[in-house]
Full PDB file with SEQRES, HELIX, SHEET, SSBOND, CRYST1, ORIGX, SCALE, CONECT and MASTER records, all heavy atoms in Angstrom:
SEQRES   1 A   40  MET PHE LEU PRO LEU GLY ASP SER LEU LYS PRO ILE GLY          
SEQRES   2 A   40  LEU ALA TYR SER ASN MET VAL GLY LEU GLY ALA ALA LEU          
SEQRES   3 A   40  PRO SER GLY LEU ALA GLY THR PRO ALA GLU TRP HIS ALA          
SEQRES   4 A   40  HIS                                                          
SHEET    1 AA1 2 PHE A   2  LEU A   5  0                                        
SHEET    2 AA1 2 SER A   8  PRO A  11 -1                                        
SHEET    1 AA2 2 GLY A  29  LEU A  30  0                                        
SHEET    2 AA2 2 THR A  33  PRO A  34 -1                                        
CRYST1    1.000    1.000    1.000  90.00  90.00  90.00 P 1           1          
ORIGX1      1.000000  0.000000  0.000000        0.00000                         
ORIGX2      0.000000  1.000000  0.000000        0.00000                         
ORIGX3      0.000000  0.000000  1.000000        0.00000                         
SCALE1      1.000000  0.000000  0.000000        0.00000                         
SCALE2      0.000000  1.000000  0.000000        0.00000                         
SCALE3      0.000000  0.000000  1.000000        0.00000                         
ATOM      1  N   MET A   1      -0.619  -3.490   8.352  1.00  0.00           N  
ATOM      2  CA  MET A   1      -0.904  -4.894   8.076  1.00  0.00           C  
ATOM      3  C   MET A   1      -0.333  -5.782   9.185  1.00  0.00           C  
ATOM      4  O   MET A   1       0.798  -5.589   9.624  1.00  0.00           O  
ATOM      5  CB  MET A   1      -0.327  -5.292   6.716  1.00  0.00           C  
ATOM      6  CG  MET A   1      -0.924  -4.510   5.558  1.00  0.00           C  
ATOM      7  SD  MET A   1      -0.250  -4.961   3.940  1.00  0.00           S  
ATOM      8  CE  MET A   1       1.407  -4.282   4.035  1.00  0.00           C  
ATOM      9  N   PHE A   2      -1.150  -6.742   9.608  1.00  0.00           N  
ATOM     10  CA  PHE A   2      -0.753  -7.674  10.655  1.00  0.00           C  
ATOM     11  C   PHE A   2      -0.932  -9.113  10.181  1.00  0.00           C  
ATOM     12  O   PHE A   2      -1.791  -9.397   9.343  1.00  0.00           O  
ATOM     13  CB  PHE A   2      -1.603  -7.483  11.911  1.00  0.00           C  
ATOM     14  CG  PHE A   2      -1.342  -6.210  12.666  1.00  0.00           C  
ATOM     15  CD1 PHE A   2      -2.124  -5.084  12.450  1.00  0.00           C  
ATOM     16  CD2 PHE A   2      -0.328  -6.139  13.604  1.00  0.00           C  
ATOM     17  CE1 PHE A   2      -1.899  -3.904  13.154  1.00  0.00           C  
ATOM     18  CE2 PHE A   2      -0.089  -4.971  14.313  1.00  0.00           C  
ATOM     19  CZ  PHE A   2      -0.873  -3.849  14.091  1.00  0.00           C  
ATOM     20  N   LEU A   3      -0.150 -10.012  10.776  1.00  0.00           N  
ATOM     21  CA  LEU A   3      -0.288 -11.442  10.523  1.00  0.00           C  
ATOM     22  C   LEU A   3      -0.706 -12.106  11.832  1.00  0.00           C  
ATOM     23  O   LEU A   3       0.032 -12.039  12.823  1.00  0.00           O  
ATOM     24  CB  LEU A   3       1.030 -12.044  10.038  1.00  0.00           C  
ATOM     25  CG  LEU A   3       1.024 -13.554   9.774  1.00  0.00           C  
ATOM     26  CD1 LEU A   3       0.103 -13.884   8.602  1.00  0.00           C  
ATOM     27  CD2 LEU A   3       2.443 -14.063   9.497  1.00  0.00           C  
ATOM     28  N   PRO A   4      -1.900 -12.730  11.871  1.00  0.00           N  
ATOM     29  CA  PRO A   4      -2.316 -13.424  13.094  1.00  0.00           C  
ATOM     30  C   PRO A   4      -1.403 -14.619  13.379  1.00  0.00           C  
ATOM     31  O   PRO A   4      -1.182 -15.457  12.510  1.00  0.00           O  
ATOM     32  CB  PRO A   4      -3.744 -13.888  12.770  1.00  0.00           C  
ATOM     33  CG  PRO A   4      -4.206 -12.978  11.679  1.00  0.00           C  
ATOM     34  CD  PRO A   4      -2.976 -12.718  10.859  1.00  0.00           C  
ATOM     35  N   LEU A   5      -0.874 -14.664  14.596  1.00  0.00           N  
ATOM     36  CA  LEU A   5      -0.048 -15.780  15.057  1.00  0.00           C  
ATOM     37  C   LEU A   5      -0.588 -16.225  16.408  1.00  0.00           C  
ATOM     38  O   LEU A   5      -0.310 -15.595  17.437  1.00  0.00           O  
ATOM     39  CB  LEU A   5       1.421 -15.355  15.191  1.00  0.00           C  
ATOM     40  CG  LEU A   5       2.156 -14.982  13.904  1.00  0.00           C  
ATOM     41  CD1 LEU A   5       3.559 -14.470  14.225  1.00  0.00           C  
ATOM     42  CD2 LEU A   5       2.238 -16.183  12.961  1.00  0.00           C  
ATOM     43  N   GLY A   6      -1.396 -17.278  16.396  1.00  0.00           N  
ATOM     44  CA  GLY A   6      -2.036 -17.714  17.618  1.00  0.00           C  
ATOM     45  C   GLY A   6      -2.996 -16.659  18.112  1.00  0.00           C  
ATOM     46  O   GLY A   6      -3.899 -16.220  17.392  1.00  0.00           O  
ATOM     47  N   ASP A   7      -2.786 -16.195  19.333  1.00  0.00           N  
ATOM     48  CA  ASP A   7      -3.651 -15.173  19.918  1.00  0.00           C  
ATOM     49  C   ASP A   7      -3.092 -13.758  19.757  1.00  0.00           C  
ATOM     50  O   ASP A   7      -3.624 -12.807  20.325  1.00  0.00           O  
ATOM     51  CB  ASP A   7      -3.856 -15.450  21.411  1.00  0.00           C  
ATOM     52  CG  ASP A   7      -4.602 -16.752  21.660  1.00  0.00           C  
ATOM     53  OD1 ASP A   7      -5.433 -17.118  20.812  1.00  0.00           O  
ATOM     54  OD2 ASP A   7      -4.341 -17.403  22.694  1.00  0.00           O  
ATOM     55  N   SER A   8      -2.022 -13.620  19.007  1.00  0.00           N  
ATOM     56  CA  SER A   8      -1.392 -12.306  18.846  1.00  0.00           C  
ATOM     57  C   SER A   8      -1.350 -11.899  17.379  1.00  0.00           C  
ATOM     58  O   SER A   8      -1.636 -12.697  16.476  1.00  0.00           O  
ATOM     59  CB  SER A   8       0.035 -12.329  19.415  1.00  0.00           C  
ATOM     60  OG  SER A   8       0.842 -13.237  18.694  1.00  0.00           O  
ATOM     61  N   LEU A   9      -1.009 -10.629  17.148  1.00  0.00           N  
ATOM     62  CA  LEU A   9      -0.870 -10.092  15.801  1.00  0.00           C  
ATOM     63  C   LEU A   9       0.556  -9.585  15.622  1.00  0.00           C  
ATOM     64  O   LEU A   9       1.043  -8.788  16.423  1.00  0.00           O  
ATOM     65  CB  LEU A   9      -1.860  -8.949  15.569  1.00  0.00           C  
ATOM     66  CG  LEU A   9      -3.347  -9.305  15.526  1.00  0.00           C  
ATOM     67  CD1 LEU A   9      -4.186  -8.032  15.436  1.00  0.00           C  
ATOM     68  CD2 LEU A   9      -3.653 -10.219  14.353  1.00  0.00           C  
ATOM     69  N   LYS A  10       1.195 -10.035  14.540  1.00  0.00           N  
ATOM     70  CA  LYS A  10       2.554  -9.593  14.232  1.00  0.00           C  
ATOM     71  C   LYS A  10       2.502  -8.517  13.157  1.00  0.00           C  
ATOM     72  O   LYS A  10       1.936  -8.753  12.076  1.00  0.00           O  
ATOM     73  CB  LYS A  10       3.398 -10.777  13.731  1.00  0.00           C  
ATOM     74  CG  LYS A  10       4.793 -10.402  13.205  1.00  0.00           C  
ATOM     75  CD  LYS A  10       5.491 -11.612  12.640  1.00  0.00           C  
ATOM     76  CE  LYS A  10       6.820 -11.250  11.957  1.00  0.00           C  
ATOM     77  NZ  LYS A  10       7.797 -10.702  12.933  1.00  0.00           N  
ATOM     78  N   PRO A  11       3.062  -7.337  13.388  1.00  0.00           N  
ATOM     79  CA  PRO A  11       3.077  -6.309  12.344  1.00  0.00           C  
ATOM     80  C   PRO A  11       3.969  -6.735  11.184  1.00  0.00           C  
ATOM     81  O   PRO A  11       5.094  -7.177  11.396  1.00  0.00           O  
ATOM     82  CB  PRO A  11       3.631  -5.080  13.057  1.00  0.00           C  
ATOM     83  CG  PRO A  11       4.409  -5.623  14.215  1.00  0.00           C  
ATOM     84  CD  PRO A  11       3.720  -6.882  14.634  1.00  0.00           C  
ATOM     85  N   ILE A  12       3.453  -6.650   9.955  1.00  0.00           N  
ATOM     86  CA  ILE A  12       4.196  -7.139   8.790  1.00  0.00           C  
ATOM     87  C   ILE A  12       4.390  -6.079   7.709  1.00  0.00           C  
ATOM     88  O   ILE A  12       5.121  -6.307   6.737  1.00  0.00           O  
ATOM     89  CB  ILE A  12       3.508  -8.369   8.164  1.00  0.00           C  
ATOM     90  CG1 ILE A  12       2.044  -8.046   7.813  1.00  0.00           C  
ATOM     91  CG2 ILE A  12       3.595  -9.569   9.115  1.00  0.00           C  
ATOM     92  CD1 ILE A  12       1.320  -9.157   7.088  1.00  0.00           C  
ATOM     93  N   GLY A  13       3.748  -4.930   7.838  1.00  0.00           N  
ATOM     94  CA  GLY A  13       3.941  -3.911   6.813  1.00  0.00           C  
ATOM     95  C   GLY A  13       2.953  -2.769   6.931  1.00  0.00           C  
ATOM     96  O   GLY A  13       2.019  -2.804   7.740  1.00  0.00           O  
ATOM     97  N   LEU A  14       3.187  -1.769   6.127  1.00  0.00           N  
ATOM     98  CA  LEU A  14       2.328  -0.596   6.049  1.00  0.00           C  
ATOM     99  C   LEU A  14       1.811  -0.454   4.620  1.00  0.00           C  
ATOM    100  O   LEU A  14       2.365  -1.043   3.692  1.00  0.00           O  
ATOM    101  CB  LEU A  14       3.105   0.667   6.432  1.00  0.00           C  
ATOM    102  CG  LEU A  14       3.806   0.659   7.788  1.00  0.00           C  
ATOM    103  CD1 LEU A  14       4.650   1.925   7.940  1.00  0.00           C  
ATOM    104  CD2 LEU A  14       2.803   0.536   8.925  1.00  0.00           C  
ATOM    105  N   ALA A  15       0.766   0.318   4.467  1.00  0.00           N  
ATOM    106  CA  ALA A  15       0.298   0.649   3.127  1.00  0.00           C  
ATOM    107  C   ALA A  15      -0.033   2.133   3.087  1.00  0.00           C  
ATOM    108  O   ALA A  15      -0.508   2.707   4.078  1.00  0.00           O  
ATOM    109  CB  ALA A  15      -0.920  -0.183   2.742  1.00  0.00           C  
ATOM    110  N   TYR A  16       0.260   2.735   1.947  1.00  0.00           N  
ATOM    111  CA  TYR A  16       0.012   4.157   1.731  1.00  0.00           C  
ATOM    112  C   TYR A  16      -0.960   4.309   0.572  1.00  0.00           C  
ATOM    113  O   TYR A  16      -0.976   3.485  -0.348  1.00  0.00           O  
ATOM    114  CB  TYR A  16       1.318   4.881   1.418  1.00  0.00           C  
ATOM    115  CG  TYR A  16       2.364   4.735   2.503  1.00  0.00           C  
ATOM    116  CD1 TYR A  16       3.283   3.690   2.468  1.00  0.00           C  
ATOM    117  CD2 TYR A  16       2.414   5.630   3.570  1.00  0.00           C  
ATOM    118  CE1 TYR A  16       4.241   3.538   3.471  1.00  0.00           C  
ATOM    119  CE2 TYR A  16       3.366   5.487   4.576  1.00  0.00           C  
ATOM    120  CZ  TYR A  16       4.278   4.431   4.514  1.00  0.00           C  
ATOM    121  OH  TYR A  16       5.210   4.294   5.506  1.00  0.00           O  
ATOM    122  N   SER A  17      -1.769   5.351   0.613  1.00  0.00           N  
ATOM    123  CA  SER A  17      -2.756   5.526  -0.452  1.00  0.00           C  
ATOM    124  C   SER A  17      -2.961   6.995  -0.776  1.00  0.00           C  
ATOM    125  O   SER A  17      -2.693   7.879   0.040  1.00  0.00           O  
ATOM    126  CB  SER A  17      -4.088   4.881  -0.057  1.00  0.00           C  
ATOM    127  OG  SER A  17      -4.661   5.533   1.060  1.00  0.00           O  
ATOM    128  N   ASN A  18      -3.428   7.225  -1.995  1.00  0.00           N  
ATOM    129  CA  ASN A  18      -3.841   8.542  -2.479  1.00  0.00           C  
ATOM    130  C   ASN A  18      -5.201   8.398  -3.132  1.00  0.00           C  
ATOM    131  O   ASN A  18      -5.498   7.366  -3.744  1.00  0.00           O  
ATOM    132  CB  ASN A  18      -2.877   9.081  -3.546  1.00  0.00           C  
ATOM    133  CG  ASN A  18      -1.625   9.682  -2.956  1.00  0.00           C  
ATOM    134  OD1 ASN A  18      -1.570  10.009  -1.787  1.00  0.00           O  
ATOM    135  ND2 ASN A  18      -0.608   9.828  -3.778  1.00  0.00           N  
ATOM    136  N   MET A  19      -6.028   9.414  -3.022  1.00  0.00           N  
ATOM    137  CA  MET A  19      -7.255   9.452  -3.793  1.00  0.00           C  
ATOM    138  C   MET A  19      -6.938  10.064  -5.157  1.00  0.00           C  
ATOM    139  O   MET A  19      -6.338  11.137  -5.228  1.00  0.00           O  
ATOM    140  CB  MET A  19      -8.320  10.281  -3.086  1.00  0.00           C  
ATOM    141  CG  MET A  19      -8.805   9.692  -1.774  1.00  0.00           C  
ATOM    142  SD  MET A  19      -9.585   8.068  -1.958  1.00  0.00           S  
ATOM    143  CE  MET A  19     -10.982   8.475  -3.011  1.00  0.00           C  
ATOM    144  N   VAL A  20      -7.312   9.370  -6.229  1.00  0.00           N  
ATOM    145  CA  VAL A  20      -7.076   9.865  -7.588  1.00  0.00           C  
ATOM    146  C   VAL A  20      -8.381   9.810  -8.366  1.00  0.00           C  
ATOM    147  O   VAL A  20      -9.295   9.066  -8.012  1.00  0.00           O  
ATOM    148  CB  VAL A  20      -5.982   9.036  -8.310  1.00  0.00           C  
ATOM    149  CG1 VAL A  20      -4.660   9.141  -7.576  1.00  0.00           C  
ATOM    150  CG2 VAL A  20      -6.390   7.583  -8.440  1.00  0.00           C  
ATOM    151  N   GLY A  21      -8.462  10.592  -9.426  1.00  0.00           N  
ATOM    152  CA  GLY A  21      -9.683  10.661 -10.217  1.00  0.00           C  
ATOM    153  C   GLY A  21      -9.914   9.421 -11.056  1.00  0.00           C  
ATOM    154  O   GLY A  21      -9.021   8.602 -11.270  1.00  0.00           O  
ATOM    155  N   LEU A  22     -11.141   9.298 -11.550  1.00  0.00           N  
ATOM    156  CA  LEU A  22     -11.482   8.175 -12.424  1.00  0.00           C  
ATOM    157  C   LEU A  22     -10.598   8.199 -13.658  1.00  0.00           C  
ATOM    158  O   LEU A  22     -10.496   9.218 -14.340  1.00  0.00           O  
ATOM    159  CB  LEU A  22     -12.955   8.255 -12.842  1.00  0.00           C  
ATOM    160  CG  LEU A  22     -13.997   7.956 -11.767  1.00  0.00           C  
ATOM    161  CD1 LEU A  22     -15.393   8.227 -12.302  1.00  0.00           C  
ATOM    162  CD2 LEU A  22     -13.888   6.512 -11.317  1.00  0.00           C  
ATOM    163  N   GLY A  23      -9.964   7.089 -13.947  1.00  0.00           N  
ATOM    164  CA  GLY A  23      -9.123   6.995 -15.126  1.00  0.00           C  
ATOM    165  C   GLY A  23      -7.777   7.667 -15.005  1.00  0.00           C  
ATOM    166  O   GLY A  23      -6.995   7.669 -15.958  1.00  0.00           O  
ATOM    167  N   ALA A  24      -7.482   8.257 -13.849  1.00  0.00           N  
ATOM    168  CA  ALA A  24      -6.198   8.943 -13.679  1.00  0.00           C  
ATOM    169  C   ALA A  24      -5.062   7.931 -13.579  1.00  0.00           C  
ATOM    170  O   ALA A  24      -5.250   6.797 -13.137  1.00  0.00           O  
ATOM    171  CB  ALA A  24      -6.232   9.801 -12.421  1.00  0.00           C  
ATOM    172  N   ALA A  25      -3.875   8.357 -14.010  1.00  0.00           N  
ATOM    173  CA  ALA A  25      -2.706   7.487 -13.932  1.00  0.00           C  
ATOM    174  C   ALA A  25      -2.320   7.277 -12.473  1.00  0.00           C  
ATOM    175  O   ALA A  25      -2.426   8.190 -11.648  1.00  0.00           O  
ATOM    176  CB  ALA A  25      -1.544   8.103 -14.701  1.00  0.00           C  
ATOM    177  N   LEU A  26      -1.874   6.070 -12.163  1.00  0.00           N  
ATOM    178  CA  LEU A  26      -1.451   5.768 -10.802  1.00  0.00           C  
ATOM    179  C   LEU A  26      -0.037   6.270 -10.570  1.00  0.00           C  
ATOM    180  O   LEU A  26       0.754   6.393 -11.507  1.00  0.00           O  
ATOM    181  CB  LEU A  26      -1.495   4.253 -10.560  1.00  0.00           C  
ATOM    182  CG  LEU A  26      -2.842   3.565 -10.697  1.00  0.00           C  
ATOM    183  CD1 LEU A  26      -2.696   2.071 -10.397  1.00  0.00           C  
ATOM    184  CD2 LEU A  26      -3.859   4.190  -9.766  1.00  0.00           C  
ATOM    185  N   PRO A  27       0.319   6.558  -9.328  1.00  0.00           N  
ATOM    186  CA  PRO A  27       1.718   6.902  -9.035  1.00  0.00           C  
ATOM    187  C   PRO A  27       2.629   5.746  -9.433  1.00  0.00           C  
ATOM    188  O   PRO A  27       2.189   4.596  -9.524  1.00  0.00           O  
ATOM    189  CB  PRO A  27       1.706   7.106  -7.519  1.00  0.00           C  
ATOM    190  CG  PRO A  27       0.286   7.404  -7.174  1.00  0.00           C  
ATOM    191  CD  PRO A  27      -0.539   6.608  -8.134  1.00  0.00           C  
ATOM    192  N   SER A  28       3.883   6.038  -9.652  1.00  0.00           N  
ATOM    193  CA  SER A  28       4.831   4.998 -10.066  1.00  0.00           C  
ATOM    194  C   SER A  28       5.969   4.821  -9.076  1.00  0.00           C  
ATOM    195  O   SER A  28       6.878   4.037  -9.305  1.00  0.00           O  
ATOM    196  CB  SER A  28       5.413   5.330 -11.446  1.00  0.00           C  
ATOM    197  OG  SER A  28       6.066   6.592 -11.419  1.00  0.00           O  
ATOM    198  N   GLY A  29       5.924   5.559  -7.979  1.00  0.00           N  
ATOM    199  CA  GLY A  29       7.005   5.454  -7.021  1.00  0.00           C  
ATOM    200  C   GLY A  29       6.551   5.804  -5.623  1.00  0.00           C  
ATOM    201  O   GLY A  29       5.413   6.256  -5.402  1.00  0.00           O  
ATOM    202  N   LEU A  30       7.437   5.585  -4.674  1.00  0.00           N  
ATOM    203  CA  LEU A  30       7.182   5.906  -3.283  1.00  0.00           C  
ATOM    204  C   LEU A  30       8.406   6.604  -2.729  1.00  0.00           C  
ATOM    205  O   LEU A  30       9.495   6.021  -2.689  1.00  0.00           O  
ATOM    206  CB  LEU A  30       6.897   4.624  -2.486  1.00  0.00           C  
ATOM    207  CG  LEU A  30       6.587   4.787  -0.994  1.00  0.00           C  
ATOM    208  CD1 LEU A  30       5.335   5.631  -0.802  1.00  0.00           C  
ATOM    209  CD2 LEU A  30       6.408   3.420  -0.338  1.00  0.00           C  
ATOM    210  N   ALA A  31       8.258   7.867  -2.368  1.00  0.00           N  
ATOM    211  CA  ALA A  31       9.361   8.688  -1.858  1.00  0.00           C  
ATOM    212  C   ALA A  31      10.560   8.665  -2.808  1.00  0.00           C  
ATOM    213  O   ALA A  31      11.704   8.535  -2.389  1.00  0.00           O  
ATOM    214  CB  ALA A  31       9.780   8.208  -0.471  1.00  0.00           C  
ATOM    215  N   GLY A  32      10.262   8.773  -4.115  1.00  0.00           N  
ATOM    216  CA  GLY A  32      11.323   8.835  -5.114  1.00  0.00           C  
ATOM    217  C   GLY A  32      11.864   7.498  -5.552  1.00  0.00           C  
ATOM    218  O   GLY A  32      12.787   7.435  -6.377  1.00  0.00           O  
ATOM    219  N   THR A  33      11.305   6.404  -5.047  1.00  0.00           N  
ATOM    220  CA  THR A  33      11.761   5.067  -5.411  1.00  0.00           C  
ATOM    221  C   THR A  33      10.677   4.352  -6.213  1.00  0.00           C  
ATOM    222  O   THR A  33       9.505   4.398  -5.828  1.00  0.00           O  
ATOM    223  CB  THR A  33      12.066   4.244  -4.140  1.00  0.00           C  
ATOM    224  OG1 THR A  33      13.047   4.926  -3.369  1.00  0.00           O  
ATOM    225  CG2 THR A  33      12.578   2.863  -4.494  1.00  0.00           C  
ATOM    226  N   PRO A  34      11.007   3.695  -7.343  1.00  0.00           N  
ATOM    227  CA  PRO A  34       9.993   2.969  -8.107  1.00  0.00           C  
ATOM    228  C   PRO A  34       9.264   1.956  -7.226  1.00  0.00           C  
ATOM    229  O   PRO A  34       9.884   1.231  -6.448  1.00  0.00           O  
ATOM    230  CB  PRO A  34      10.812   2.268  -9.198  1.00  0.00           C  
ATOM    231  CG  PRO A  34      12.030   3.121  -9.358  1.00  0.00           C  
ATOM    232  CD  PRO A  34      12.348   3.613  -7.969  1.00  0.00           C  
ATOM    233  N   ALA A  35       7.924   1.925  -7.322  1.00  0.00           N  
ATOM    234  CA  ALA A  35       7.125   1.026  -6.490  1.00  0.00           C  
ATOM    235  C   ALA A  35       5.861   0.621  -7.240  1.00  0.00           C  
ATOM    236  O   ALA A  35       5.361   1.359  -8.093  1.00  0.00           O  
ATOM    237  CB  ALA A  35       6.772   1.698  -5.165  1.00  0.00           C  
ATOM    238  N   GLU A  36       5.358  -0.546  -6.899  1.00  0.00           N  
ATOM    239  CA  GLU A  36       4.172  -1.106  -7.557  1.00  0.00           C  
ATOM    240  C   GLU A  36       2.894  -0.641  -6.860  1.00  0.00           C  
ATOM    241  O   GLU A  36       2.588  -1.070  -5.757  1.00  0.00           O  
ATOM    242  CB  GLU A  36       4.234  -2.640  -7.522  1.00  0.00           C  
ATOM    243  CG  GLU A  36       2.998  -3.338  -8.089  1.00  0.00           C  
ATOM    244  CD  GLU A  36       3.000  -4.834  -7.851  1.00  0.00           C  
ATOM    245  OE1 GLU A  36       4.044  -5.380  -7.435  1.00  0.00           O  
ATOM    246  OE2 GLU A  36       1.948  -5.464  -8.095  1.00  0.00           O  
ATOM    247  N   TRP A  37       2.163   0.258  -7.510  1.00  0.00           N  
ATOM    248  CA  TRP A  37       0.886   0.730  -6.991  1.00  0.00           C  
ATOM    249  C   TRP A  37      -0.252  -0.040  -7.640  1.00  0.00           C  
ATOM    250  O   TRP A  37      -0.112  -0.560  -8.750  1.00  0.00           O  
ATOM    251  CB  TRP A  37       0.701   2.219  -7.270  1.00  0.00           C  
ATOM    252  CG  TRP A  37       1.553   3.133  -6.448  1.00  0.00           C  
ATOM    253  CD1 TRP A  37       2.905   3.289  -6.537  1.00  0.00           C  
ATOM    254  CD2 TRP A  37       1.121   4.017  -5.416  1.00  0.00           C  
ATOM    255  NE1 TRP A  37       3.345   4.214  -5.620  1.00  0.00           N  
ATOM    256  CE2 TRP A  37       2.266   4.685  -4.922  1.00  0.00           C  
ATOM    257  CE3 TRP A  37      -0.132   4.315  -4.861  1.00  0.00           C  
ATOM    258  CZ2 TRP A  37       2.195   5.632  -3.897  1.00  0.00           C  
ATOM    259  CZ3 TRP A  37      -0.205   5.262  -3.842  1.00  0.00           C  
ATOM    260  CH2 TRP A  37       0.951   5.902  -3.374  1.00  0.00           C  
ATOM    261  N   HIS A  38      -1.376  -0.107  -6.966  1.00  0.00           N  
ATOM    262  CA  HIS A  38      -2.576  -0.715  -7.539  1.00  0.00           C  
ATOM    263  C   HIS A  38      -3.776   0.140  -7.167  1.00  0.00           C  
ATOM    264  O   HIS A  38      -3.710   0.954  -6.239  1.00  0.00           O  
ATOM    265  CB  HIS A  38      -2.763  -2.162  -7.062  1.00  0.00           C  
ATOM    266  CG  HIS A  38      -2.718  -2.336  -5.584  1.00  0.00           C  
ATOM    267  ND1 HIS A  38      -1.537  -2.393  -4.859  1.00  0.00           N  
ATOM    268  CD2 HIS A  38      -3.711  -2.456  -4.667  1.00  0.00           C  
ATOM    269  CE1 HIS A  38      -1.801  -2.564  -3.578  1.00  0.00           C  
ATOM    270  NE2 HIS A  38      -3.098  -2.595  -3.434  1.00  0.00           N  
ATOM    271  N   ALA A  39      -4.863  -0.014  -7.913  1.00  0.00           N  
ATOM    272  CA  ALA A  39      -6.028   0.855  -7.714  1.00  0.00           C  
ATOM    273  C   ALA A  39      -7.223   0.067  -7.216  1.00  0.00           C  
ATOM    274  O   ALA A  39      -7.416  -1.105  -7.546  1.00  0.00           O  
ATOM    275  CB  ALA A  39      -6.385   1.553  -9.020  1.00  0.00           C  
ATOM    276  N   HIS A  40      -8.052   0.756  -6.425  1.00  0.00           N  
ATOM    277  CA  HIS A  40      -9.332   0.218  -5.997  1.00  0.00           C  
ATOM    278  C   HIS A  40     -10.399   1.249  -6.304  1.00  0.00           C  
ATOM    279  O   HIS A  40     -10.208   2.442  -6.070  1.00  0.00           O  
ATOM    280  CB  HIS A  40      -9.311  -0.118  -4.512  1.00  0.00           C  
ATOM    281  CG  HIS A  40      -8.265  -1.123  -4.163  1.00  0.00           C  
ATOM    282  ND1 HIS A  40      -8.302  -2.412  -4.623  1.00  0.00           N  
ATOM    283  CD2 HIS A  40      -7.126  -1.019  -3.445  1.00  0.00           C  
ATOM    284  CE1 HIS A  40      -7.243  -3.072  -4.181  1.00  0.00           C  
ATOM    285  NE2 HIS A  40      -6.496  -2.242  -3.489  1.00  0.00           N  
TER     286      HIS A  40                                                      
MASTER        0    0    0    0    4    0    0    6  285    1    0    4          
END                                                                             
């Protein structure tokens, strides 16, 4: 993820994803730490 600042892009974060089945439960953590996942 980048944030446009004038003519440049500032790196602001990363995102990780998994493919999961229809109706499957989402992960609840990231590398053993509780984290907020969302589905698309």
